[in-house]
Structures are given as structure tokens and as C-alpha cells.
Amino acid sequence: MKTRKKLLLIYPVNPRIHSYSLNKRFCMPPLGLGIIAALTPPTWDVILQDENLKPFEYQEADLVGITACTSAATRAYEIAGI
């Protein structure tokens, strides 16, 4: 029996700035990762980690995708290094 592969999709934030809390009237969640999750074959387990909602927690994965705003690029590199 084959084991399912795991895809981990991460949206880091700048720890000094949380984009959802900057301007409540302009709240735009990261849709790109949701689209990738929706297009991933059903034979994969997909986990979304949005640091606006919960801090990043390391976990094993077969493939990792990270997207970030420029202000969170340093945090994205930090997570990629882990």
C-alpha cells in the first residue's frame, strides 16, 4: 500500500506587522495557496499554515510551498531554512 504524500503550504508574516490587523477594511487573505491546494491531486494530503492565524510549526512534508509579501521575505527565508 502506498503512503500518501504531504504538501505543506506556508504563508509567513513579518513578526512586527500582521497584515490582517493593519487595516481591518482591507483584509485580503493569501488566495494563491488556497488555489494550489484546490488544484493538488486528491492523492496528496495538503496542510495550509497561515502565520496570521497561528505561528509556524515544523512538520515533515514531501513538498513545501512558501509565498510571502515582501515585508515578510526575511521570515520566509527563516522558515525555508528550517
Protein backbone atom coordinates (compact mmCIF):
# COMPACT_ATOMS: atom_id res chain seq x y z
CA MET A 1 0.00 0.00 0.00
CA LYS A 2 1.34 3.42 -0.98
CA THR A 3 1.65 6.13 1.62
CA ARG A 4 0.09 9.47 0.80
CA LYS A 5 2.43 12.35 0.09
CA LYS A 6 2.16 15.51 2.15
CA LEU A 7 2.20 19.05 0.71
CA LEU A 8 2.83 21.83 3.22
CA LEU A 9 1.85 25.35 2.09
CA ILE A 10 3.07 28.25 4.25
CA TYR A 11 2.22 31.95 4.38
CA PRO A 12 4.69 33.67 6.74
CA VAL A 13 4.22 37.14 8.18
CA ASN A 14 6.58 39.82 9.34
CA PRO A 15 6.58 39.38 13.14
CA ARG A 16 6.42 43.17 13.55
CA ILE A 17 3.48 43.60 11.17
CA HIS A 18 0.44 41.34 10.92
CA SER A 19 -1.20 42.13 7.60
CA TYR A 20 -4.73 41.24 8.74
CA SER A 21 -4.51 43.68 11.62
CA LEU A 22 -3.07 46.66 9.73
CA ASN A 23 -6.30 47.81 8.17
CA LYS A 24 -9.50 45.91 9.00
CA ARG A 25 -11.29 47.35 5.96
CA PHE A 26 -8.67 45.94 3.59
CA CYS A 27 -8.31 42.35 4.67
CA MET A 28 -7.10 40.07 1.89
CA PRO A 29 -6.13 36.51 2.78
CA PRO A 30 -3.42 34.76 0.74
CA LEU A 31 -5.52 33.18 -2.02
CA GLY A 32 -2.63 31.71 -4.03
CA LEU A 33 -2.01 28.89 -1.56
CA GLY A 34 -5.71 28.06 -1.48
CA ILE A 35 -5.74 27.77 -5.25
CA ILE A 36 -2.69 25.49 -5.21
CA ALA A 37 -4.35 23.37 -2.50
CA ALA A 38 -7.53 23.09 -4.58
CA LEU A 39 -5.57 22.04 -7.69
CA THR A 40 -3.45 19.45 -5.89
CA PRO A 41 -4.36 15.87 -6.80
CA PRO A 42 -6.56 14.13 -4.21
CA THR A 43 -3.82 11.57 -3.58
CA TRP A 44 -1.90 14.22 -1.59
CA ASP A 45 -2.57 15.47 1.93
CA VAL A 46 -2.46 19.29 1.93
CA ILE A 47 -1.74 21.39 5.01
CA LEU A 48 -2.03 25.19 4.97
CA GLN A 49 -0.15 27.19 7.59
CA ASP A 50 -1.01 30.90 7.69
CA GLU A 51 1.01 32.74 10.34
CA ASN A 52 -1.70 35.40 10.55
CA LEU A 53 -3.76 32.75 12.29
CA LYS A 54 -1.16 30.62 14.09
CA PRO A 55 2.66 30.66 14.35
CA PHE A 56 4.55 28.28 12.06
CA GLU A 57 5.16 24.82 13.49
CA TYR A 58 7.67 22.49 11.85
CA GLN A 59 6.36 19.24 10.43
CA GLU A 60 7.64 16.66 7.97
CA ALA A 61 6.47 17.05 4.37
CA ASP A 62 7.33 15.68 0.95
CA LEU A 63 6.95 19.09 -0.69
CA VAL A 64 6.79 22.61 0.76
CA GLY A 65 5.50 25.78 -0.87
CA ILE A 66 6.05 29.23 0.62
CA THR A 67 4.65 32.55 -0.55
CA ALA A 68 5.09 35.88 1.17
CA CYS A 69 4.73 39.61 0.85
CA THR A 70 8.00 41.48 0.50
CA SER A 71 7.76 42.70 4.10
CA ALA A 72 7.77 39.05 5.26
CA ALA A 73 10.60 37.85 2.99
CA THR A 74 13.08 37.56 5.87
CA ARG A 75 10.62 35.37 7.78
CA ALA A 76 10.03 33.26 4.65
CA TYR A 77 13.79 32.64 4.34
CA GLU A 78 13.93 31.76 8.03
CA ILE A 79 11.16 29.17 7.62
CA ALA A 80 12.76 27.82 4.43
CA GLY A 81 15.99 27.32 6.37
CA ILE A 82 14.18 25.17 8.91
